[in-house]
Amino acid sequence: MGRRSGYEQARSSVLGVDVVDVLGLDSLLAQLILAVGLAMVLGNGYAIYKHRKGEGPKGAQGEFRPSRAYWLLAVGAVITVWGGASLLV
């Protein structure tokens, strides 16, 4: 018999039960990607909203960088779509 790869060993059955299926590892990564994307969208969207209202974080120094906020909002939207599509497929 040949040697099994690390992935094959991870998917090996324990008492006839597939560890990957029991822990739901197939969808866990997609859920984490979706969560990170949503956090980026919500966080940067809220920062843009607060800046438009003329408010800023209390006790924080520095300036609002709109180009960075919009860029991270767009990246978060792409990651959110990617995570959502991964869950559906």
N, C-alpha and C. Protein backbone atom coordinates (compact mmCIF):
# COMPACT_ATOMS: atom_id res chain seq x y z
N MET A 1 0.83 -1.18 0.00
CA MET A 1 0.00 0.00 0.00
C MET A 1 0.87 1.24 0.00
N GLY A 2 0.38 2.27 -0.70
CA GLY A 2 1.10 3.53 -0.76
C GLY A 2 0.82 4.38 0.47
N ARG A 3 1.61 5.41 0.58
CA ARG A 3 1.43 6.32 1.70
C ARG A 3 0.28 7.27 1.40
N ARG A 4 -0.46 7.62 2.42
CA ARG A 4 -1.57 8.54 2.25
C ARG A 4 -1.09 9.96 2.51
N SER A 5 -1.68 10.91 1.79
CA SER A 5 -1.33 12.31 1.99
C SER A 5 -1.93 12.80 3.30
N GLY A 6 -1.51 13.99 3.73
CA GLY A 6 -2.04 14.56 4.96
C GLY A 6 -3.54 14.79 4.88
N TYR A 7 -4.01 15.20 3.70
CA TYR A 7 -5.45 15.44 3.54
C TYR A 7 -6.23 14.14 3.66
N GLU A 8 -5.70 13.07 3.06
CA GLU A 8 -6.38 11.77 3.15
C GLU A 8 -6.40 11.27 4.59
N GLN A 9 -5.32 11.55 5.32
CA GLN A 9 -5.29 11.14 6.72
C GLN A 9 -6.31 11.93 7.53
N ALA A 10 -6.46 13.23 7.22
CA ALA A 10 -7.42 14.06 7.95
C ALA A 10 -8.84 13.61 7.67
N ARG A 11 -9.10 13.11 6.48
CA ARG A 11 -10.44 12.66 6.13
C ARG A 11 -10.69 11.21 6.51
N SER A 12 -9.68 10.59 7.10
CA SER A 12 -9.86 9.18 7.44
C SER A 12 -10.97 9.02 8.47
N SER A 13 -11.56 7.90 8.43
CA SER A 13 -12.70 7.62 9.30
C SER A 13 -12.24 7.18 10.68
N VAL A 14 -12.95 7.64 11.66
CA VAL A 14 -12.75 7.21 13.03
C VAL A 14 -14.02 6.48 13.43
N LEU A 15 -13.92 5.20 13.64
CA LEU A 15 -15.07 4.36 13.98
C LEU A 15 -16.17 4.47 12.92
N GLY A 16 -15.78 4.62 11.68
CA GLY A 16 -16.74 4.67 10.58
C GLY A 16 -17.39 6.02 10.37
N VAL A 17 -16.95 7.05 11.09
CA VAL A 17 -17.53 8.39 10.95
C VAL A 17 -16.46 9.30 10.37
N ASP A 18 -16.80 10.05 9.35
CA ASP A 18 -15.86 10.97 8.71
C ASP A 18 -15.73 12.23 9.57
N VAL A 19 -14.52 12.54 10.01
CA VAL A 19 -14.28 13.66 10.90
C VAL A 19 -14.67 14.99 10.25
N VAL A 20 -14.38 15.15 8.97
CA VAL A 20 -14.70 16.39 8.27
C VAL A 20 -16.21 16.62 8.23
N ASP A 21 -16.96 15.55 8.01
CA ASP A 21 -18.42 15.69 7.97
C ASP A 21 -18.99 15.99 9.35
N VAL A 22 -18.45 15.39 10.38
CA VAL A 22 -18.97 15.60 11.74
C VAL A 22 -18.73 17.05 12.18
N LEU A 23 -17.54 17.56 11.93
CA LEU A 23 -17.21 18.92 12.36
C LEU A 23 -17.70 19.99 11.40
N GLY A 24 -18.13 19.62 10.21
CA GLY A 24 -18.61 20.59 9.24
C GLY A 24 -17.52 21.50 8.71
N LEU A 25 -16.33 20.96 8.54
CA LEU A 25 -15.20 21.77 8.11
C LEU A 25 -15.36 22.30 6.69
N ASP A 26 -16.17 21.65 5.89
CA ASP A 26 -16.36 22.11 4.52
C ASP A 26 -17.03 23.48 4.48
N SER A 27 -17.99 23.71 5.35
CA SER A 27 -18.69 24.99 5.33
C SER A 27 -18.12 25.99 6.33
N LEU A 28 -17.27 25.54 7.24
CA LEU A 28 -16.73 26.43 8.26
C LEU A 28 -15.88 27.54 7.64
N LEU A 29 -15.04 27.20 6.69
CA LEU A 29 -14.19 28.21 6.05
C LEU A 29 -15.04 29.23 5.31
N ALA A 30 -16.07 28.79 4.61
CA ALA A 30 -16.96 29.72 3.91
C ALA A 30 -17.68 30.64 4.89
N GLN A 31 -18.07 30.11 6.04
CA GLN A 31 -18.73 30.93 7.05
C GLN A 31 -17.78 31.97 7.63
N LEU A 32 -16.53 31.59 7.84
CA LEU A 32 -15.54 32.54 8.36
C LEU A 32 -15.25 33.64 7.34
N ILE A 33 -15.15 33.28 6.07
CA ILE A 33 -14.92 34.27 5.02
C ILE A 33 -16.10 35.24 4.96
N LEU A 34 -17.31 34.71 5.02
CA LEU A 34 -18.50 35.56 5.02
C LEU A 34 -18.51 36.50 6.22
N ALA A 35 -18.14 36.01 7.39
CA ALA A 35 -18.13 36.84 8.60
C ALA A 35 -17.10 37.96 8.51
N VAL A 36 -15.92 37.67 7.99
CA VAL A 36 -14.89 38.70 7.84
C VAL A 36 -15.35 39.76 6.85
N GLY A 37 -15.93 39.33 5.74
CA GLY A 37 -16.42 40.28 4.75
C GLY A 37 -17.51 41.17 5.30
N LEU A 38 -18.47 40.59 6.01
CA LEU A 38 -19.55 41.38 6.60
C LEU A 38 -19.01 42.36 7.65
N ALA A 39 -18.04 41.93 8.43
CA ALA A 39 -17.44 42.82 9.43
C ALA A 39 -16.76 44.01 8.76
N MET A 40 -16.08 43.76 7.64
CA MET A 40 -15.43 44.85 6.92
C MET A 40 -16.46 45.82 6.35
N VAL A 41 -17.53 45.29 5.78
CA VAL A 41 -18.57 46.14 5.19
C VAL A 41 -19.24 46.97 6.28
N LEU A 42 -19.65 46.32 7.36
CA LEU A 42 -20.36 47.04 8.42
C LEU A 42 -19.46 48.06 9.13
N GLY A 43 -18.24 47.68 9.43
CA GLY A 43 -17.33 48.58 10.12
C GLY A 43 -16.98 49.82 9.32
N ASN A 44 -16.62 49.63 8.06
CA ASN A 44 -16.27 50.77 7.23
C ASN A 44 -17.49 51.58 6.84
N GLY A 45 -18.62 50.91 6.62
CA GLY A 45 -19.85 51.64 6.34
C GLY A 45 -20.25 52.53 7.50
N TYR A 46 -20.10 52.02 8.72
CA TYR A 46 -20.43 52.81 9.91
C TYR A 46 -19.46 53.98 10.06
N ALA A 47 -18.19 53.77 9.79
CA ALA A 47 -17.20 54.85 9.87
C ALA A 47 -17.52 55.95 8.87
N ILE A 48 -17.90 55.57 7.66
CA ILE A 48 -18.27 56.56 6.64
C ILE A 48 -19.52 57.32 7.07
N TYR A 49 -20.50 56.60 7.60
CA TYR A 49 -21.74 57.22 8.07
C TYR A 49 -21.46 58.23 9.19
N LYS A 50 -20.65 57.84 10.17
CA LYS A 50 -20.33 58.74 11.29
C LYS A 50 -19.55 59.96 10.81
N HIS A 51 -18.67 59.77 9.84
CA HIS A 51 -17.90 60.90 9.32
C HIS A 51 -18.82 61.89 8.59
N ARG A 52 -19.78 61.38 7.84
CA ARG A 52 -20.72 62.27 7.14
C ARG A 52 -21.57 63.07 8.11
N LYS A 53 -21.86 62.50 9.28
CA LYS A 53 -22.62 63.21 10.30
C LYS A 53 -21.74 64.21 11.05
N GLY A 54 -20.44 64.18 10.80
CA GLY A 54 -19.52 65.09 11.47
C GLY A 54 -19.02 64.58 12.80
N GLU A 55 -19.23 63.34 13.08
CA GLU A 55 -18.79 62.75 14.35
C GLU A 55 -17.53 61.93 14.12
N GLY A 56 -16.78 61.79 15.18
CA GLY A 56 -15.59 60.96 15.13
C GLY A 56 -15.46 60.17 16.41
N PRO A 57 -14.55 59.24 16.47
CA PRO A 57 -14.37 58.48 17.71
C PRO A 57 -13.84 59.39 18.82
N LYS A 58 -14.36 59.21 20.02
CA LYS A 58 -13.95 60.04 21.15
C LYS A 58 -12.54 59.66 21.59
N GLY A 59 -11.72 60.67 21.77
CA GLY A 59 -10.38 60.44 22.26
C GLY A 59 -9.41 59.94 21.21
N ALA A 60 -9.83 59.85 19.97
CA ALA A 60 -8.95 59.35 18.91
C ALA A 60 -8.32 60.52 18.17
N GLN A 61 -7.07 60.35 17.83
CA GLN A 61 -6.38 61.36 17.04
C GLN A 61 -6.22 60.85 15.63
N GLY A 62 -6.01 61.76 14.72
CA GLY A 62 -5.84 61.37 13.33
C GLY A 62 -7.01 61.84 12.50
N GLU A 63 -6.87 61.67 11.22
CA GLU A 63 -7.88 62.14 10.29
C GLU A 63 -8.60 60.97 9.64
N PHE A 64 -9.79 61.26 9.17
CA PHE A 64 -10.56 60.26 8.44
C PHE A 64 -9.99 60.16 7.03
N ARG A 65 -9.76 58.96 6.59
CA ARG A 65 -9.22 58.74 5.25
C ARG A 65 -10.31 58.09 4.40
N PRO A 66 -11.04 58.89 3.63
CA PRO A 66 -12.16 58.33 2.88
C PRO A 66 -11.74 57.31 1.83
N SER A 67 -10.60 57.53 1.19
CA SER A 67 -10.19 56.57 0.16
C SER A 67 -9.94 55.19 0.77
N ARG A 68 -9.35 55.15 1.95
CA ARG A 68 -9.10 53.87 2.62
C ARG A 68 -10.42 53.22 3.04
N ALA A 69 -11.33 54.03 3.58
CA ALA A 69 -12.61 53.48 4.04
C ALA A 69 -13.41 52.91 2.87
N TYR A 70 -13.46 53.64 1.75
CA TYR A 70 -14.21 53.14 0.59
C TYR A 70 -13.52 51.91 -0.02
N TRP A 71 -12.19 51.91 -0.04
CA TRP A 71 -11.46 50.76 -0.57
C TRP A 71 -11.75 49.51 0.27
N LEU A 72 -11.66 49.64 1.58
CA LEU A 72 -11.92 48.49 2.45
C LEU A 72 -13.39 48.07 2.41
N LEU A 73 -14.28 49.02 2.20
CA LEU A 73 -15.70 48.69 2.03
C LEU A 73 -15.89 47.84 0.77
N ALA A 74 -15.22 48.23 -0.32
CA ALA A 74 -15.33 47.46 -1.57
C ALA A 74 -14.70 46.07 -1.42
N VAL A 75 -13.55 46.00 -0.78
CA VAL A 75 -12.90 44.70 -0.55
C VAL A 75 -13.79 43.81 0.31
N GLY A 76 -14.39 44.39 1.34
CA GLY A 76 -15.31 43.64 2.19
C GLY A 76 -16.52 43.14 1.43
N ALA A 77 -17.02 43.95 0.49
CA ALA A 77 -18.16 43.51 -0.32
C ALA A 77 -17.79 42.32 -1.20
N VAL A 78 -16.59 42.37 -1.78
CA VAL A 78 -16.13 41.25 -2.62
C VAL A 78 -15.98 39.99 -1.77
N ILE A 79 -15.39 40.12 -0.59
CA ILE A 79 -15.20 38.97 0.29
C ILE A 79 -16.55 38.42 0.74
N THR A 80 -17.51 39.30 1.00
CA THR A 80 -18.85 38.87 1.41
C THR A 80 -19.53 38.07 0.30
N VAL A 81 -19.44 38.56 -0.92
CA VAL A 81 -20.03 37.84 -2.05
C VAL A 81 -19.35 36.49 -2.23
N TRP A 82 -18.04 36.46 -2.10
CA TRP A 82 -17.28 35.22 -2.21
C TRP A 82 -17.72 34.21 -1.15
N GLY A 83 -17.82 34.65 0.10
CA GLY A 83 -18.23 33.75 1.18
C GLY A 83 -19.66 33.27 1.00
N GLY A 84 -20.56 34.16 0.58
CA GLY A 84 -21.95 33.76 0.35
C GLY A 84 -22.07 32.77 -0.79
N ALA A 85 -21.33 33.02 -1.87
CA ALA A 85 -21.36 32.10 -3.01
C ALA A 85 -20.78 30.74 -2.63
N SER A 86 -19.76 30.73 -1.79
CA SER A 86 -19.17 29.47 -1.36
C SER A 86 -20.14 28.65 -0.52
N LEU A 87 -20.97 29.31 0.26
CA LEU A 87 -21.96 28.60 1.06
C LEU A 87 -23.07 28.02 0.19
N LEU A 88 -23.42 28.73 -0.88
CA LEU A 88 -24.51 28.28 -1.74
C LEU A 88 -24.11 27.15 -2.67
N VAL A 89 -22.84 27.10 -3.03
CA VAL A 89 -22.37 26.09 -3.99
C VAL A 89 -21.97 24.85 -3.32
